[in-house]
């Protein structure tokens, strides 16, 4: 693992260019909003910021899953 904390990983990812087109960003965002609202959760805060890593194409799905696993494991803090 090249990141010592989940926050460091997140900050590095946010510095990357968007790797997908605007239409795909829009599709992902609509899908995520629907899911979050069905769960009765907020579209603001840390969870939504994490979703944005994938929505904006800063991480692909495999990296995003690895990031979440790392973040929510004991070593991710």
C-alpha atoms as a PDB file:
ATOM      1  CA  UNK A   1       0.000   0.000   0.000  1.00  0.00           C
ATOM      2  CA  UNK A   2       1.494   3.324  -0.943  1.00  0.00           C
ATOM      3  CA  UNK A   3      -0.783   5.426   1.280  1.00  0.00           C
ATOM      4  CA  UNK A   4      -0.426   5.550   5.039  1.00  0.00           C
ATOM      5  CA  UNK A   5      -3.962   6.823   5.634  1.00  0.00           C
ATOM      6  CA  UNK A   6      -7.281   6.803   3.812  1.00  0.00           C
ATOM      7  CA  UNK A   7      -7.253  10.602   3.885  1.00  0.00           C
ATOM      8  CA  UNK A   8      -3.902  10.675   2.078  1.00  0.00           C
ATOM      9  CA  UNK A   9      -5.281   8.281  -0.553  1.00  0.00           C
ATOM     10  CA  UNK A  10      -8.411  10.395  -0.986  1.00  0.00           C
ATOM     11  CA  UNK A  11      -6.416  13.621  -1.317  1.00  0.00           C
ATOM     12  CA  UNK A  12      -4.109  12.069  -3.915  1.00  0.00           C
ATOM     13  CA  UNK A  13      -7.068  10.755  -5.914  1.00  0.00           C
ATOM     14  CA  UNK A  14      -8.792  14.137  -5.912  1.00  0.00           C
ATOM     15  CA  UNK A  15      -5.714  15.651  -7.578  1.00  0.00           C
ATOM     16  CA  UNK A  16      -6.125  13.319 -10.565  1.00  0.00           C
ATOM     17  CA  UNK A  17      -7.826  14.308 -13.788  1.00  0.00           C
ATOM     18  CA  UNK A  18     -11.367  13.129 -14.410  1.00  0.00           C
ATOM     19  CA  UNK A  19     -10.949   9.837 -16.275  1.00  0.00           C
ATOM     20  CA  UNK A  20     -14.455   9.603 -17.720  1.00  0.00           C
ATOM     21  CA  UNK A  21     -16.732  11.779 -19.823  1.00  0.00           C
ATOM     22  CA  UNK A  22     -19.333  14.152 -18.494  1.00  0.00           C
ATOM     23  CA  UNK A  23     -22.209  11.897 -19.602  1.00  0.00           C
ATOM     24  CA  UNK A  24     -20.806   9.017 -17.516  1.00  0.00           C
ATOM     25  CA  UNK A  25     -20.274  11.335 -14.535  1.00  0.00           C
ATOM     26  CA  UNK A  26     -23.922  12.385 -14.806  1.00  0.00           C
ATOM     27  CA  UNK A  27     -25.126   8.783 -15.051  1.00  0.00           C
ATOM     28  CA  UNK A  28     -23.062   7.715 -12.026  1.00  0.00           C
ATOM     29  CA  UNK A  29     -24.198  10.710  -9.987  1.00  0.00           C
ATOM     30  CA  UNK A  30     -27.876  10.051 -10.723  1.00  0.00           C
ATOM     31  CA  UNK A  31     -27.451   6.401  -9.772  1.00  0.00           C
ATOM     32  CA  UNK A  32     -25.621   7.297  -6.538  1.00  0.00           C
ATOM     33  CA  UNK A  33     -28.165   9.973  -5.569  1.00  0.00           C
ATOM     34  CA  UNK A  34     -31.007   7.506  -6.052  1.00  0.00           C
ATOM     35  CA  UNK A  35     -29.231   4.907  -3.909  1.00  0.00           C
ATOM     36  CA  UNK A  36     -28.334   7.358  -1.136  1.00  0.00           C
ATOM     37  CA  UNK A  37     -31.833   8.810  -0.969  1.00  0.00           C
ATOM     38  CA  UNK A  38     -33.420   5.325  -0.910  1.00  0.00           C
ATOM     39  CA  UNK A  39     -31.179   4.549   2.062  1.00  0.00           C
ATOM     40  CA  UNK A  40     -32.422   7.712   3.765  1.00  0.00           C
ATOM     41  CA  UNK A  41     -28.924   9.159   3.953  1.00  0.00           C
ATOM     42  CA  UNK A  42     -27.549  12.630   3.258  1.00  0.00           C
ATOM     43  CA  UNK A  43     -26.069  13.797  -0.016  1.00  0.00           C
ATOM     44  CA  UNK A  44     -23.542  15.785   1.997  1.00  0.00           C
ATOM     45  CA  UNK A  45     -20.621  14.912   4.189  1.00  0.00           C
ATOM     46  CA  UNK A  46     -17.902  12.309   4.178  1.00  0.00           C
ATOM     47  CA  UNK A  47     -19.882   9.448   2.636  1.00  0.00           C
ATOM     48  CA  UNK A  48     -20.935  11.579  -0.343  1.00  0.00           C
ATOM     49  CA  UNK A  49     -17.352  12.821  -0.735  1.00  0.00           C
ATOM     50  CA  UNK A  50     -16.247   9.197  -0.958  1.00  0.00           C
ATOM     51  CA  UNK A  51     -18.886   8.469  -3.602  1.00  0.00           C
ATOM     52  CA  UNK A  52     -17.506  11.379  -5.623  1.00  0.00           C
ATOM     53  CA  UNK A  53     -14.165   9.582  -5.988  1.00  0.00           C
ATOM     54  CA  UNK A  54     -15.905   7.010  -8.182  1.00  0.00           C
ATOM     55  CA  UNK A  55     -18.578   9.289  -9.655  1.00  0.00           C
ATOM     56  CA  UNK A  56     -15.986  11.719 -10.995  1.00  0.00           C
ATOM     57  CA  UNK A  57     -13.728   8.972 -12.299  1.00  0.00           C
ATOM     58  CA  UNK A  58     -10.936   9.732  -9.849  1.00  0.00           C
ATOM     59  CA  UNK A  59     -10.857   6.007  -9.003  1.00  0.00           C
ATOM     60  CA  UNK A  60     -12.051   3.000 -10.963  1.00  0.00           C
ATOM     61  CA  UNK A  61     -14.355   0.569  -9.182  1.00  0.00           C
ATOM     62  CA  UNK A  62     -11.568  -1.784  -8.070  1.00  0.00           C
ATOM     63  CA  UNK A  63      -9.509   1.003  -6.556  1.00  0.00           C
ATOM     64  CA  UNK A  64     -12.619   2.522  -4.954  1.00  0.00           C
ATOM     65  CA  UNK A  65     -13.485  -0.794  -3.294  1.00  0.00           C
ATOM     66  CA  UNK A  66      -9.893  -1.175  -2.067  1.00  0.00           C
ATOM     67  CA  UNK A  67      -9.968   2.388  -0.716  1.00  0.00           C
ATOM     68  CA  UNK A  68     -13.193   1.752   1.217  1.00  0.00           C
ATOM     69  CA  UNK A  69     -11.864  -1.506   2.622  1.00  0.00           C
ATOM     70  CA  UNK A  70      -8.680   0.237   3.729  1.00  0.00           C
ATOM     71  CA  UNK A  71     -10.591   3.223   5.134  1.00  0.00           C
ATOM     72  CA  UNK A  72     -12.928   1.087   7.197  1.00  0.00           C
ATOM     73  CA  UNK A  73     -10.275  -1.325   8.384  1.00  0.00           C
ATOM     74  CA  UNK A  74      -8.254  -0.660  11.498  1.00  0.00           C
ATOM     75  CA  UNK A  75      -5.267   0.424   9.416  1.00  0.00           C
ATOM     76  CA  UNK A  76      -7.109   3.044   7.410  1.00  0.00           C
ATOM     77  CA  UNK A  77      -7.233   5.778   9.994  1.00  0.00           C
END
